[in-house]
C-alpha atoms as a PDB file:
ATOM      1  CA  UNK A   1      15.238 -11.664 -15.362  1.00  0.00           C
ATOM      2  CA  UNK A   2      16.537 -11.361 -11.870  1.00  0.00           C
ATOM      3  CA  UNK A   3      14.302 -10.400  -9.029  1.00  0.00           C
ATOM      4  CA  UNK A   4      15.302  -7.988  -6.315  1.00  0.00           C
ATOM      5  CA  UNK A   5      13.883  -8.049  -2.816  1.00  0.00           C
ATOM      6  CA  UNK A   6      12.855  -4.578  -1.631  1.00  0.00           C
ATOM      7  CA  UNK A   7      13.036  -3.720   2.068  1.00  0.00           C
ATOM      8  CA  UNK A   8      12.827  -0.514   4.051  1.00  0.00           C
ATOM      9  CA  UNK A   9      12.631   0.236   7.753  1.00  0.00           C
ATOM     10  CA  UNK A  10      10.281   3.125   6.842  1.00  0.00           C
ATOM     11  CA  UNK A  11       7.411   0.666   6.317  1.00  0.00           C
ATOM     12  CA  UNK A  12       6.188  -2.147   8.538  1.00  0.00           C
ATOM     13  CA  UNK A  13       8.340  -5.243   8.376  1.00  0.00           C
ATOM     14  CA  UNK A  14       6.750  -8.315   6.865  1.00  0.00           C
ATOM     15  CA  UNK A  15       4.662 -10.161   9.463  1.00  0.00           C
ATOM     16  CA  UNK A  16       4.627 -13.390   7.515  1.00  0.00           C
ATOM     17  CA  UNK A  17       6.324 -15.303   4.754  1.00  0.00           C
ATOM     18  CA  UNK A  18       6.531 -12.485   2.202  1.00  0.00           C
ATOM     19  CA  UNK A  19       8.678  -9.514   1.165  1.00  0.00           C
ATOM     20  CA  UNK A  20       7.626  -5.872   1.317  1.00  0.00           C
ATOM     21  CA  UNK A  21       8.077  -5.810  -2.465  1.00  0.00           C
ATOM     22  CA  UNK A  22       9.741  -7.655  -5.324  1.00  0.00           C
ATOM     23  CA  UNK A  23      11.274  -5.865  -8.300  1.00  0.00           C
ATOM     24  CA  UNK A  24      11.489  -7.733 -11.600  1.00  0.00           C
ATOM     25  CA  UNK A  25      12.907  -5.615 -14.416  1.00  0.00           C
ATOM     26  CA  UNK A  26      11.129  -2.278 -14.159  1.00  0.00           C
ATOM     27  CA  UNK A  27       8.014  -3.714 -12.491  1.00  0.00           C
ATOM     28  CA  UNK A  28       7.636  -3.680  -8.715  1.00  0.00           C
ATOM     29  CA  UNK A  29       5.028  -5.750  -6.905  1.00  0.00           C
ATOM     30  CA  UNK A  30       4.221  -4.116  -3.559  1.00  0.00           C
ATOM     31  CA  UNK A  31       2.795  -6.414  -0.901  1.00  0.00           C
ATOM     32  CA  UNK A  32      -0.334  -5.489   0.972  1.00  0.00           C
ATOM     33  CA  UNK A  33       0.031  -2.770   3.568  1.00  0.00           C
ATOM     34  CA  UNK A  34      -2.230  -2.258   6.543  1.00  0.00           C
ATOM     35  CA  UNK A  35      -2.269   0.808   8.827  1.00  0.00           C
ATOM     36  CA  UNK A  36       0.681  -0.236  10.968  1.00  0.00           C
ATOM     37  CA  UNK A  37       3.136   2.318  12.306  1.00  0.00           C
ATOM     38  CA  UNK A  38       6.512   1.048  11.022  1.00  0.00           C
ATOM     39  CA  UNK A  39       8.587   1.584  14.147  1.00  0.00           C
ATOM     40  CA  UNK A  40       6.073   0.220  16.651  1.00  0.00           C
ATOM     41  CA  UNK A  41       4.302  -2.349  14.439  1.00  0.00           C
ATOM     42  CA  UNK A  42       1.060  -1.251  16.123  1.00  0.00           C
ATOM     43  CA  UNK A  43      -2.118  -0.222  14.321  1.00  0.00           C
ATOM     44  CA  UNK A  44      -2.278   3.566  13.985  1.00  0.00           C
ATOM     45  CA  UNK A  45      -4.798   5.195  16.304  1.00  0.00           C
ATOM     46  CA  UNK A  46      -7.431   7.319  14.625  1.00  0.00           C
ATOM     47  CA  UNK A  47     -10.437   7.389  12.363  1.00  0.00           C
ATOM     48  CA  UNK A  48     -10.672   5.916   8.868  1.00  0.00           C
ATOM     49  CA  UNK A  49      -8.912   8.818   7.078  1.00  0.00           C
ATOM     50  CA  UNK A  50      -5.950   8.437   9.464  1.00  0.00           C
ATOM     51  CA  UNK A  51      -5.817   4.703   8.773  1.00  0.00           C
ATOM     52  CA  UNK A  52      -5.991   5.155   4.991  1.00  0.00           C
ATOM     53  CA  UNK A  53      -3.228   7.790   5.107  1.00  0.00           C
ATOM     54  CA  UNK A  54      -1.036   5.387   7.088  1.00  0.00           C
ATOM     55  CA  UNK A  55      -1.543   2.714   4.418  1.00  0.00           C
ATOM     56  CA  UNK A  56      -0.600   5.159   1.643  1.00  0.00           C
ATOM     57  CA  UNK A  57       2.436   6.336   3.657  1.00  0.00           C
ATOM     58  CA  UNK A  58       3.550   2.710   4.024  1.00  0.00           C
ATOM     59  CA  UNK A  59       3.094   2.028   0.301  1.00  0.00           C
ATOM     60  CA  UNK A  60       4.960   5.242  -0.479  1.00  0.00           C
ATOM     61  CA  UNK A  61       7.912   4.193   1.691  1.00  0.00           C
ATOM     62  CA  UNK A  62       8.183   0.845  -0.094  1.00  0.00           C
ATOM     63  CA  UNK A  63       7.794   2.501  -3.509  1.00  0.00           C
ATOM     64  CA  UNK A  64      10.640   4.897  -2.680  1.00  0.00           C
ATOM     65  CA  UNK A  65      12.839   2.047  -1.447  1.00  0.00           C
ATOM     66  CA  UNK A  66      12.344   0.437  -4.862  1.00  0.00           C
ATOM     67  CA  UNK A  67      13.400   3.619  -6.654  1.00  0.00           C
ATOM     68  CA  UNK A  68       9.911   4.833  -7.517  1.00  0.00           C
ATOM     69  CA  UNK A  69       7.056   6.840  -6.130  1.00  0.00           C
ATOM     70  CA  UNK A  70       3.295   6.532  -5.861  1.00  0.00           C
ATOM     71  CA  UNK A  71       2.910   8.317  -9.208  1.00  0.00           C
ATOM     72  CA  UNK A  72       4.525   5.215 -10.761  1.00  0.00           C
ATOM     73  CA  UNK A  73       1.755   2.910  -9.475  1.00  0.00           C
ATOM     74  CA  UNK A  74      -0.207   1.437 -12.387  1.00  0.00           C
ATOM     75  CA  UNK A  75      -2.533  -0.851 -10.389  1.00  0.00           C
ATOM     76  CA  UNK A  76      -3.905  -0.451  -6.883  1.00  0.00           C
ATOM     77  CA  UNK A  77      -6.019  -2.991  -5.027  1.00  0.00           C
ATOM     78  CA  UNK A  78      -8.047  -1.791  -2.046  1.00  0.00           C
ATOM     79  CA  UNK A  79      -9.466  -4.280   0.446  1.00  0.00           C
ATOM     80  CA  UNK A  80     -12.108  -3.002   2.877  1.00  0.00           C
ATOM     81  CA  UNK A  81     -14.062  -4.768   5.586  1.00  0.00           C
ATOM     82  CA  UNK A  82     -16.842  -2.218   5.029  1.00  0.00           C
ATOM     83  CA  UNK A  83     -17.349  -0.804   1.528  1.00  0.00           C
ATOM     84  CA  UNK A  84     -19.104   2.203   3.067  1.00  0.00           C
ATOM     85  CA  UNK A  85     -15.562   3.481   3.724  1.00  0.00           C
ATOM     86  CA  UNK A  86     -14.849   3.674  -0.007  1.00  0.00           C
ATOM     87  CA  UNK A  87     -15.619   7.433  -0.242  1.00  0.00           C
ATOM     88  CA  UNK A  88     -12.942   8.000   2.424  1.00  0.00           C
ATOM     89  CA  UNK A  89     -10.453   6.026   0.316  1.00  0.00           C
ATOM     90  CA  UNK A  90     -11.290   8.219  -2.692  1.00  0.00           C
ATOM     91  CA  UNK A  91     -10.915  11.411  -0.665  1.00  0.00           C
ATOM     92  CA  UNK A  92      -7.555  10.446   0.837  1.00  0.00           C
ATOM     93  CA  UNK A  93      -6.303   8.928  -2.422  1.00  0.00           C
ATOM     94  CA  UNK A  94      -6.731  12.364  -4.040  1.00  0.00           C
ATOM     95  CA  UNK A  95      -4.139  13.674  -1.548  1.00  0.00           C
ATOM     96  CA  UNK A  96      -1.545  11.156  -2.787  1.00  0.00           C
ATOM     97  CA  UNK A  97      -2.324  10.721  -6.506  1.00  0.00           C
ATOM     98  CA  UNK A  98      -2.961  12.987  -9.460  1.00  0.00           C
ATOM     99  CA  UNK A  99      -4.344  12.153 -12.884  1.00  0.00           C
ATOM    100  CA  UNK A 100      -3.767   9.901 -14.626  1.00  0.00           C
ATOM    101  CA  UNK A 101      -4.823   7.687 -11.726  1.00  0.00           C
ATOM    102  CA  UNK A 102      -3.767   4.050 -11.546  1.00  0.00           C
ATOM    103  CA  UNK A 103      -6.151   1.259 -12.451  1.00  0.00           C
ATOM    104  CA  UNK A 104      -7.881   0.152  -9.262  1.00  0.00           C
ATOM    105  CA  UNK A 105     -10.078  -2.485  -7.711  1.00  0.00           C
ATOM    106  CA  UNK A 106     -12.044  -2.217  -4.483  1.00  0.00           C
ATOM    107  CA  UNK A 107     -12.886  -5.477  -2.798  1.00  0.00           C
ATOM    108  CA  UNK A 108     -15.088  -6.055   0.224  1.00  0.00           C
ATOM    109  CA  UNK A 109     -13.661  -8.708   2.535  1.00  0.00           C
ATOM    110  CA  UNK A 110     -14.840 -10.371   5.734  1.00  0.00           C
ATOM    111  CA  UNK A 111     -11.643  -9.707   7.706  1.00  0.00           C
ATOM    112  CA  UNK A 112      -8.078  -8.413   7.396  1.00  0.00           C
ATOM    113  CA  UNK A 113      -4.879  -9.024   9.398  1.00  0.00           C
ATOM    114  CA  UNK A 114      -4.771  -7.540  12.894  1.00  0.00           C
ATOM    115  CA  UNK A 115      -8.487  -6.761  12.631  1.00  0.00           C
ATOM    116  CA  UNK A 116      -7.887  -3.617  10.547  1.00  0.00           C
ATOM    117  CA  UNK A 117     -10.475  -2.114   8.215  1.00  0.00           C
ATOM    118  CA  UNK A 118      -8.252  -1.476   5.166  1.00  0.00           C
ATOM    119  CA  UNK A 119      -5.375  -3.058   3.251  1.00  0.00           C
ATOM    120  CA  UNK A 120      -3.860  -2.090  -0.112  1.00  0.00           C
ATOM    121  CA  UNK A 121      -1.328  -3.589  -2.464  1.00  0.00           C
ATOM    122  CA  UNK A 122       0.020  -2.212  -5.729  1.00  0.00           C
ATOM    123  CA  UNK A 123       1.958  -2.789  -8.919  1.00  0.00           C
ATOM    124  CA  UNK A 124       4.406  -0.091  -9.946  1.00  0.00           C
ATOM    125  CA  UNK A 125       6.372   0.411 -13.161  1.00  0.00           C
ATOM    126  CA  UNK A 126       9.483   2.571 -12.949  1.00  0.00           C
ATOM    127  CA  UNK A 127      12.085   3.795 -15.409  1.00  0.00           C
ATOM    128  CA  UNK A 128      15.190   1.665 -15.209  1.00  0.00           C
END
């Protein structure tokens, strides 16, 4: 199978040696997104709900560039520097997803890029 590199200017550009997403067949692997504003590449200003929304908006932009949408996400990984923020993730996630929800993992980590509090990556399956 061939792999297709996915890129959009509506999400933060890669800040390392990776692609925003890779599409192989009808599966899309979305790289981790942090709460960066795409056009400034600065961390969004605001409380935790604002930061989580920015991450979902970034994932949504990449999903759309790949020909899908967040409803096509089958696996979501959430990385938090403080697991006490997990209820906020659940609350905001309900604004972006409806049942059936994707499989999900929540992982507490010591640190994330740019000193942010949240990062998420995803796997999406779309109709070809």
